[in-house]
């Protein structure tokens, strides 16, 4: 009889240019999600049950991640010990080659840990390259890793935003609005009016920054939630009892 599955937290990074986003998609699409490749790599570890990655933070097509997070449950055949963190790290990375996706770390966590709901905050960085009159002036290694709106001296700017959660395209809209104001295409007073409307669709389409400059920088958790698995008297999920969480 198989034992209970072991739950792991993994941090991973990727270049988002060639993917439809981080979330899984149907495999017959031209572009699929990072999650498709993560789960395909996990299948090669020969688990006794299918493995599902539960992603902490969604990113769109073209958006990159320096460190996203996910949890997964792995059940091995009877008599096989659970993977250690280093074993899982090495195994997943071996089967992810040659995709630009890498597992940064892997560790055992409690069976009640949830990568999305236990996250304390997410931090994003948006990279702007100012001073390029034409796209051909962008260094070849930076072309898919920044946005180069016209104007200003030749320099990189980074806009860092941290919050517990974000709305759809929120950071890209914030950065795009700042650039539009700086270029004189959006008046500061009009931006204030748009904020008071609280309607994302009211923002002009040109005021949303493109995806290639956006990076998920990090996902933060409390040390308590990252503690090694144990057998608590009452099962809790991120400080809430399971009953409280479900209701």
Foldseek 3Di string as FASTA:
>chain_A
DWDFWFKKKWKKWFQQAQAQWQDADPPPDNHGHVQVLQQVLVVVVVFPDRKHWQWAAITGRLAIAPITMTMITGTHDPPDDDDAWVRVQVSSQVSSPPHRMHTPTMHTFAPQEGNHPQWQKWKKKFKEFEDDPDLVPPPPVCSLAHHYDYDDHGDMDIDMDMDSDDDVLRVQLVVLQVVCCVVVNAPPVNVVVVVVVPDVVVRDPSSGHDRSRMYGYDIDGDVVRRDHYDDDPFDAHNPHGPVVVVD
